[in-house]
Amino acid sequence: MALAIIAPTWRAWKFGTRISRTALATFLDLTRVQIPEGRHAARVRAWLGFGDLTVILPRELAVRVQASAGLGEVSVLGRKHEGIGPTAEVQSEDYATAPRQLDLEASVGLGEVKVVRGD
């Protein structure tokens, strides 16, 4: 079972659970998540009505990220877009051949989506 920690409530979270908050800064730290090997990707979907959504990814994990904002800013692994309807799609070079993969869809209605690698 894969678990992550969500701030500000610091509750345990399982893959397959949707994350949704309104009017809060939400942090999703996936740096300690154990993803089993296999030909499938773990999928995370996070949506926030307005505010800031920050997702921290493990440094070595192969990822495919789709991020968007209705109005605001999207920053994914150093690629930044802002304005009305900014989007970003980023995929690790080794995604197709990696033994562990993570698909992340992150969006906000009004605010910022930030996806970074942890230490």
Foldseek 3Di string as FASTA:
>chain_A
DWWWAKPPVRDIDDQPDEAEEEPDEIEIERQPTDFAFDQDAGEYEYEYAEDEYEYEAAPPAWEWEKEWEQAAWEAAAHDIDHGGIDIDIDTDPCQNPDRYYYYYYYYYHYYYYHYHYDD
